[in-house]
Amino acid sequence: MSGRAFAFLPLCAALFLAACQSAPPPPPKPTFYEDLASPTARVDETKALAMLNQYRAQSGIAPLTLDPRLNRIAEDYARKMAAADKMGHDVDGHSLLGTRLKSYGYPFSNAGENVAAGYHTLAEAFSGWRQSPPHDRGMKDPDMSLMGIATAYNPNSKYKVFWCLILAHPPVVAAGGTLMGATSGFAPSVGLTIR
C-alpha cells in the first residue's frame, strides 16, 4: 500500500507541472498602459483616437478623425522637443503651431495642440491633459474635427517621453473652390510638464 502512495506522488507532481506549463499566458496589457519610454515605442494612434472620442462623446461633442498628416507633423515636433530636451509650443523660437502647419502646407481654419513631457503611457498623458483646464478645453473643442498624436523618446532626458497632440479643423471651401479662413485661426493649449 505504501508503495502505491509513493508512485502516486510523482504522477501528481508531473500533472501539476504540465498544468502550469500549459496555462495560457496572461492577457496583453492594454496599449494605453504601455510604457513608451523606449526608442522603439510608439503611441497607439487609434487607441488615442478612441479614448479621446469616447471622452468627447460624454460631453455630446462630435468625434474626431485621425489625420495621418497631422500624425507626421506631431511626430516631427515631438522629436524636436525630445532632441532639445525641452517641452513647449515653440522650442526653437520659430515653431509655433500655426507656423509649423503652414510650413507643411497643411490648410486649417482652426488648430490647437497639447504638448507634454514626462508621461510614460497614453493613460497618464490623457489623464494629465484632462486635469488641466486649458488642455481639457482643447480636447473637448467642438470646432475641432481632426487629430494627430505622437511621442518621441530621449533616453538622456529626465522626462524620457515627449508628447504632441494636434487638433485641427479644415478650412471652409466656398463656392468656386476658394478656401475661406485658411490658416486664420490658431488657438494652442498651454504646455504641461510633469515629473
C-alpha atoms as a PDB file:
ATOM      1  CA  MET A   1       0.000   0.000   0.000  1.00  0.00           C
ATOM      2  CA  SER A   2       2.775   2.430   0.851  1.00  0.00           C
ATOM      3  CA  GLY A   3       4.483   1.588  -2.460  1.00  0.00           C
ATOM      4  CA  ARG A   4       1.433   2.788  -4.351  1.00  0.00           C
ATOM      5  CA  ALA A   5       1.317   6.073  -2.404  1.00  0.00           C
ATOM      6  CA  PHE A   6       4.910   6.859  -3.353  1.00  0.00           C
ATOM      7  CA  ALA A   7       4.230   6.037  -7.023  1.00  0.00           C
ATOM      8  CA  PHE A   8       1.203   8.296  -6.981  1.00  0.00           C
ATOM      9  CA  LEU A   9       3.159  11.359  -5.732  1.00  0.00           C
ATOM     10  CA  PRO A  10       5.443  11.646  -8.802  1.00  0.00           C
ATOM     11  CA  LEU A  11       2.406  11.286 -11.058  1.00  0.00           C
ATOM     12  CA  CYS A  12       0.643  14.160  -9.223  1.00  0.00           C
ATOM     13  CA  ALA A  13       3.761  16.310  -9.442  1.00  0.00           C
ATOM     14  CA  ALA A  14       4.083  15.627 -13.191  1.00  0.00           C
ATOM     15  CA  LEU A  15       0.415  16.506 -13.781  1.00  0.00           C
ATOM     16  CA  PHE A  16       0.778  19.701 -11.740  1.00  0.00           C
ATOM     17  CA  LEU A  17       3.866  20.787 -13.728  1.00  0.00           C
ATOM     18  CA  ALA A  18       2.136  20.008 -17.033  1.00  0.00           C
ATOM     19  CA  ALA A  19      -0.868  22.098 -15.979  1.00  0.00           C
ATOM     20  CA  CYS A  20       1.400  25.011 -15.031  1.00  0.00           C
ATOM     21  CA  GLN A  21       3.301  24.854 -18.304  1.00  0.00           C
ATOM     22  CA  SER A  22       0.176  24.752 -20.442  1.00  0.00           C
ATOM     23  CA  ALA A  23      -1.584  27.607 -18.635  1.00  0.00           C
ATOM     24  CA  PRO A  24      -2.428  30.390 -21.059  1.00  0.00           C
ATOM     25  CA  PRO A  25      -0.215  33.455 -20.925  1.00  0.00           C
ATOM     26  CA  PRO A  26      -1.626  36.469 -19.117  1.00  0.00           C
ATOM     27  CA  PRO A  27      -3.671  38.769 -21.341  1.00  0.00           C
ATOM     28  CA  PRO A  28      -1.644  41.522 -23.010  1.00  0.00           C
ATOM     29  CA  LYS A  29      -1.541  44.876 -21.283  1.00  0.00           C
ATOM     30  CA  PRO A  30      -3.915  47.391 -22.954  1.00  0.00           C
ATOM     31  CA  THR A  31      -1.940  49.720 -25.221  1.00  0.00           C
ATOM     32  CA  PHE A  32      -2.951  52.803 -23.259  1.00  0.00           C
ATOM     33  CA  TYR A  33      -0.894  51.400 -20.333  1.00  0.00           C
ATOM     34  CA  GLU A  34       2.170  50.531 -22.441  1.00  0.00           C
ATOM     35  CA  ASP A  35       5.359  52.202 -21.266  1.00  0.00           C
ATOM     36  CA  LEU A  36       6.578  54.386 -24.135  1.00  0.00           C
ATOM     37  CA  ALA A  37       9.966  55.136 -22.572  1.00  0.00           C
ATOM     38  CA  SER A  38      11.955  53.208 -25.169  1.00  0.00           C
ATOM     39  CA  PRO A  39      13.434  54.044 -28.567  1.00  0.00           C
ATOM     40  CA  THR A  40      11.108  51.651 -30.421  1.00  0.00           C
ATOM     41  CA  ALA A  41       7.846  52.511 -28.628  1.00  0.00           C
ATOM     42  CA  ARG A  42       5.101  54.371 -30.470  1.00  0.00           C
ATOM     43  CA  VAL A  43       1.826  55.692 -29.151  1.00  0.00           C
ATOM     44  CA  ASP A  44      -1.162  53.751 -30.489  1.00  0.00           C
ATOM     45  CA  GLU A  45      -2.893  56.490 -32.517  1.00  0.00           C
ATOM     46  CA  THR A  46      -6.111  54.523 -32.991  1.00  0.00           C
ATOM     47  CA  LYS A  47      -6.365  53.841 -29.250  1.00  0.00           C
ATOM     48  CA  ALA A  48      -5.712  57.540 -28.553  1.00  0.00           C
ATOM     49  CA  LEU A  49      -8.438  58.469 -31.043  1.00  0.00           C
ATOM     50  CA  ALA A  50     -10.907  56.041 -29.460  1.00  0.00           C
ATOM     51  CA  MET A  51     -10.080  57.305 -25.961  1.00  0.00           C
ATOM     52  CA  LEU A  52     -10.456  60.953 -26.957  1.00  0.00           C
ATOM     53  CA  ASN A  53     -13.669  60.342 -28.923  1.00  0.00           C
ATOM     54  CA  GLN A  54     -15.223  58.463 -26.012  1.00  0.00           C
ATOM     55  CA  TYR A  55     -14.331  61.409 -23.773  1.00  0.00           C
ATOM     56  CA  ARG A  56     -15.827  63.905 -26.242  1.00  0.00           C
ATOM     57  CA  ALA A  57     -18.993  61.787 -26.593  1.00  0.00           C
ATOM     58  CA  GLN A  58     -19.580  62.032 -22.822  1.00  0.00           C
ATOM     59  CA  SER A  59     -19.967  65.785 -23.342  1.00  0.00           C
ATOM     60  CA  GLY A  60     -22.051  65.419 -26.511  1.00  0.00           C
ATOM     61  CA  ILE A  61     -19.187  66.560 -28.775  1.00  0.00           C
ATOM     62  CA  ALA A  62     -18.744  65.135 -32.276  1.00  0.00           C
ATOM     63  CA  PRO A  63     -15.896  62.653 -32.792  1.00  0.00           C
ATOM     64  CA  LEU A  64     -12.534  63.449 -34.302  1.00  0.00           C
ATOM     65  CA  THR A  65     -10.973  61.730 -37.310  1.00  0.00           C
ATOM     66  CA  LEU A  66      -7.352  60.616 -37.286  1.00  0.00           C
ATOM     67  CA  ASP A  67      -5.330  62.515 -39.896  1.00  0.00           C
ATOM     68  CA  PRO A  68      -2.075  60.823 -40.991  1.00  0.00           C
ATOM     69  CA  ARG A  69      -0.589  64.196 -41.999  1.00  0.00           C
ATOM     70  CA  LEU A  70      -1.231  65.591 -38.515  1.00  0.00           C
ATOM     71  CA  ASN A  71       0.328  62.440 -37.044  1.00  0.00           C
ATOM     72  CA  ARG A  72       3.510  63.121 -39.045  1.00  0.00           C
ATOM     73  CA  ILE A  73       3.566  66.806 -38.062  1.00  0.00           C
ATOM     74  CA  ALA A  74       3.022  65.847 -34.393  1.00  0.00           C
ATOM     75  CA  GLU A  75       5.788  63.249 -34.638  1.00  0.00           C
ATOM     76  CA  ASP A  76       8.241  65.753 -36.109  1.00  0.00           C
ATOM     77  CA  TYR A  77       7.505  68.204 -33.324  1.00  0.00           C
ATOM     78  CA  ALA A  78       7.685  65.584 -30.565  1.00  0.00           C
ATOM     79  CA  ARG A  79      11.118  64.617 -31.942  1.00  0.00           C
ATOM     80  CA  LYS A  80      12.166  68.253 -31.977  1.00  0.00           C
ATOM     81  CA  MET A  81      11.182  68.654 -28.317  1.00  0.00           C
ATOM     82  CA  ALA A  82      12.967  65.411 -27.388  1.00  0.00           C
ATOM     83  CA  ALA A  83      16.149  66.474 -29.227  1.00  0.00           C
ATOM     84  CA  ALA A  84      16.091  69.851 -27.466  1.00  0.00           C
ATOM     85  CA  ASP A  85      15.145  68.197 -24.143  1.00  0.00           C
ATOM     86  CA  LYS A  86      12.610  70.980 -23.835  1.00  0.00           C
ATOM     87  CA  MET A  87       8.830  70.952 -23.787  1.00  0.00           C
ATOM     88  CA  GLY A  88       6.821  73.851 -25.157  1.00  0.00           C
ATOM     89  CA  HIS A  89       4.893  75.187 -28.100  1.00  0.00           C
ATOM     90  CA  ASP A  90       7.899  76.994 -29.582  1.00  0.00           C
ATOM     91  CA  VAL A  91      11.079  75.145 -28.632  1.00  0.00           C
ATOM     92  CA  ASP A  92      13.322  76.897 -31.134  1.00  0.00           C
ATOM     93  CA  GLY A  93      11.807  80.369 -31.313  1.00  0.00           C
ATOM     94  CA  HIS A  94      10.076  79.888 -34.681  1.00  0.00           C
ATOM     95  CA  SER A  95       7.966  76.752 -34.444  1.00  0.00           C
ATOM     96  CA  LEU A  96       4.545  77.847 -33.160  1.00  0.00           C
ATOM     97  CA  LEU A  97       1.802  75.522 -34.366  1.00  0.00           C
ATOM     98  CA  GLY A  98       0.403  77.917 -36.974  1.00  0.00           C
ATOM     99  CA  THR A  99       3.869  78.399 -38.474  1.00  0.00           C
ATOM    100  CA  ARG A 100       4.529  74.656 -38.422  1.00  0.00           C
ATOM    101  CA  LEU A 101       1.249  73.783 -40.121  1.00  0.00           C
ATOM    102  CA  LYS A 102       1.850  76.422 -42.812  1.00  0.00           C
ATOM    103  CA  SER A 103       5.395  75.143 -43.401  1.00  0.00           C
ATOM    104  CA  TYR A 104       3.942  71.673 -44.099  1.00  0.00           C
ATOM    105  CA  GLY A 105       1.355  73.178 -46.451  1.00  0.00           C
ATOM    106  CA  TYR A 106      -1.399  71.995 -44.126  1.00  0.00           C
ATOM    107  CA  PRO A 107      -4.557  74.103 -44.573  1.00  0.00           C
ATOM    108  CA  PHE A 108      -6.683  74.750 -41.485  1.00  0.00           C
ATOM    109  CA  SER A 109      -9.280  77.183 -40.217  1.00  0.00           C
ATOM    110  CA  ASN A 110      -8.553  76.480 -36.566  1.00  0.00           C
ATOM    111  CA  ALA A 111      -5.876  74.462 -34.795  1.00  0.00           C
ATOM    112  CA  GLY A 112      -4.515  73.819 -31.343  1.00  0.00           C
ATOM    113  CA  GLU A 113      -2.123  71.485 -29.609  1.00  0.00           C
ATOM    114  CA  ASN A 114      -1.423  69.871 -26.293  1.00  0.00           C
ATOM    115  CA  VAL A 115       2.191  69.107 -25.515  1.00  0.00           C
ATOM    116  CA  ALA A 116       3.615  67.296 -22.509  1.00  0.00           C
ATOM    117  CA  ALA A 117       6.778  65.708 -21.206  1.00  0.00           C
ATOM    118  CA  GLY A 118       7.295  63.036 -18.603  1.00  0.00           C
ATOM    119  CA  TYR A 119       4.221  60.882 -19.057  1.00  0.00           C
ATOM    120  CA  HIS A 120       5.228  57.337 -19.971  1.00  0.00           C
ATOM    121  CA  THR A 121       1.806  55.986 -21.001  1.00  0.00           C
ATOM    122  CA  LEU A 122      -1.147  57.204 -23.032  1.00  0.00           C
ATOM    123  CA  ALA A 123      -3.341  56.795 -19.955  1.00  0.00           C
ATOM    124  CA  GLU A 124      -1.061  59.119 -17.944  1.00  0.00           C
ATOM    125  CA  ALA A 125      -0.891  61.770 -20.682  1.00  0.00           C
ATOM    126  CA  PHE A 126      -4.639  61.704 -21.252  1.00  0.00           C
ATOM    127  CA  SER A 127      -5.314  61.939 -17.516  1.00  0.00           C
ATOM    128  CA  GLY A 128      -2.876  64.845 -17.133  1.00  0.00           C
ATOM    129  CA  TRP A 129      -4.432  66.767 -20.025  1.00  0.00           C
ATOM    130  CA  ARG A 130      -7.931  66.097 -18.682  1.00  0.00           C
ATOM    131  CA  GLN A 131      -6.979  67.552 -15.282  1.00  0.00           C
ATOM    132  CA  SER A 132      -5.540  70.728 -16.831  1.00  0.00           C
ATOM    133  CA  PRO A 133      -8.348  73.159 -17.780  1.00  0.00           C
ATOM    134  CA  PRO A 134      -6.655  74.591 -20.934  1.00  0.00           C
ATOM    135  CA  HIS A 135      -5.716  71.114 -22.208  1.00  0.00           C
ATOM    136  CA  ASP A 136      -9.151  69.770 -21.374  1.00  0.00           C
ATOM    137  CA  ARG A 137     -10.843  72.618 -23.282  1.00  0.00           C
ATOM    138  CA  GLY A 138      -8.662  71.836 -26.294  1.00  0.00           C
ATOM    139  CA  MET A 139      -9.575  68.144 -26.275  1.00  0.00           C
ATOM    140  CA  LYS A 140     -13.293  68.995 -25.998  1.00  0.00           C
ATOM    141  CA  ASP A 141     -13.274  71.852 -28.518  1.00  0.00           C
ATOM    142  CA  PRO A 142     -16.335  71.212 -30.720  1.00  0.00           C
ATOM    143  CA  ASP A 143     -14.758  73.227 -33.561  1.00  0.00           C
ATOM    144  CA  MET A 144     -12.007  70.618 -33.981  1.00  0.00           C
ATOM    145  CA  SER A 145     -12.619  67.645 -36.269  1.00  0.00           C
ATOM    146  CA  LEU A 146      -9.157  66.180 -36.966  1.00  0.00           C
ATOM    147  CA  MET A 147      -6.324  64.988 -34.778  1.00  0.00           C
ATOM    148  CA  GLY A 148      -2.767  63.732 -34.889  1.00  0.00           C
ATOM    149  CA  ILE A 149      -0.721  62.445 -31.962  1.00  0.00           C
ATOM    150  CA  ALA A 150       2.847  61.255 -31.467  1.00  0.00           C
ATOM    151  CA  THR A 151       5.570  60.712 -28.911  1.00  0.00           C
ATOM    152  CA  ALA A 152       9.347  60.840 -29.015  1.00  0.00           C
ATOM    153  CA  TYR A 153      11.896  59.386 -26.637  1.00  0.00           C
ATOM    154  CA  ASN A 154      15.102  60.893 -25.267  1.00  0.00           C
ATOM    155  CA  PRO A 155      16.974  58.437 -23.006  1.00  0.00           C
ATOM    156  CA  ASN A 156      19.148  61.237 -21.602  1.00  0.00           C
ATOM    157  CA  SER A 157      16.238  63.451 -20.570  1.00  0.00           C
ATOM    158  CA  LYS A 158      14.708  63.392 -17.105  1.00  0.00           C
ATOM    159  CA  TYR A 159      11.330  63.373 -18.903  1.00  0.00           C
ATOM    160  CA  LYS A 160      12.158  60.494 -21.318  1.00  0.00           C
ATOM    161  CA  VAL A 161       8.889  60.793 -23.313  1.00  0.00           C
ATOM    162  CA  PHE A 162       7.679  63.916 -25.138  1.00  0.00           C
ATOM    163  CA  TRP A 163       4.090  64.233 -26.396  1.00  0.00           C
ATOM    164  CA  CYS A 164       2.392  66.263 -29.102  1.00  0.00           C
ATOM    165  CA  LEU A 165      -1.363  66.172 -29.783  1.00  0.00           C
ATOM    166  CA  ILE A 166      -2.565  68.396 -32.633  1.00  0.00           C
ATOM    167  CA  LEU A 167      -6.243  69.163 -33.175  1.00  0.00           C
ATOM    168  CA  ALA A 168      -7.457  70.987 -36.268  1.00  0.00           C
ATOM    169  CA  HIS A 169     -10.411  71.914 -38.397  1.00  0.00           C
ATOM    170  CA  PRO A 170     -10.008  72.195 -42.155  1.00  0.00           C
ATOM    171  CA  PRO A 171     -10.725  75.464 -43.931  1.00  0.00           C
ATOM    172  CA  VAL A 172     -14.201  76.054 -45.294  1.00  0.00           C
ATOM    173  CA  VAL A 173     -14.387  75.746 -49.070  1.00  0.00           C
ATOM    174  CA  ALA A 174     -16.631  78.416 -50.569  1.00  0.00           C
ATOM    175  CA  ALA A 175     -18.462  78.234 -53.877  1.00  0.00           C
ATOM    176  CA  GLY A 176     -15.929  78.114 -56.693  1.00  0.00           C
ATOM    177  CA  GLY A 177     -13.418  76.155 -54.583  1.00  0.00           C
ATOM    178  CA  THR A 178     -11.957  79.164 -52.731  1.00  0.00           C
ATOM    179  CA  LEU A 179     -10.605  78.399 -49.268  1.00  0.00           C
ATOM    180  CA  MET A 180     -12.214  80.605 -46.655  1.00  0.00           C
ATOM    181  CA  GLY A 181     -10.411  81.194 -43.382  1.00  0.00           C
ATOM    182  CA  ALA A 182      -7.444  79.003 -44.249  1.00  0.00           C
ATOM    183  CA  THR A 183      -4.797  79.375 -41.547  1.00  0.00           C
ATOM    184  CA  SER A 184      -6.705  82.258 -39.974  1.00  0.00           C
ATOM    185  CA  GLY A 185      -7.387  80.715 -36.598  1.00  0.00           C
ATOM    186  CA  PHE A 186      -4.839  79.485 -34.112  1.00  0.00           C
ATOM    187  CA  ALA A 187      -5.528  78.631 -30.506  1.00  0.00           C
ATOM    188  CA  PRO A 188      -2.825  76.488 -28.916  1.00  0.00           C
ATOM    189  CA  SER A 189      -3.300  74.982 -25.496  1.00  0.00           C
ATOM    190  CA  VAL A 190      -0.603  75.607 -22.948  1.00  0.00           C
ATOM    191  CA  GLY A 191       2.120  73.026 -22.473  1.00  0.00           C
ATOM    192  CA  LEU A 192       2.226  70.783 -19.453  1.00  0.00           C
ATOM    193  CA  THR A 193       5.313  69.349 -17.813  1.00  0.00           C
ATOM    194  CA  ILE A 194       5.286  66.713 -15.113  1.00  0.00           C
ATOM    195  CA  ARG A 195       7.857  64.701 -13.127  1.00  0.00           C
END
